[in-house]
């Protein structure tokens, strides 16, 4: 299966399916936690999905070189190109 969009990623699909159950679970929290913990859980759930989308949108963006350690940058670029070929 070729990935043409972030919507094709299994991790994105699974994260989207978790939003409603997490929201429902957050609603069951005690009253004193509803405004702090509930909102934090909701934001984290949506943030996970947003990060997947943002990460996919940067898949073709080259990594900026780290001038403090050249060899570390080379290893990072090798890993990055392997990752892009394997998953995208």
Foldseek 3Di string as FASTA:
>chain_A
DDDPALVPDPVLVVLVVVLVVQLVVLVPDDPVCNPPVSVVSNVVSVVVNVVSRVVVVCLVPDDDADVVDRVVRVVVRVVSVVVSVVPD
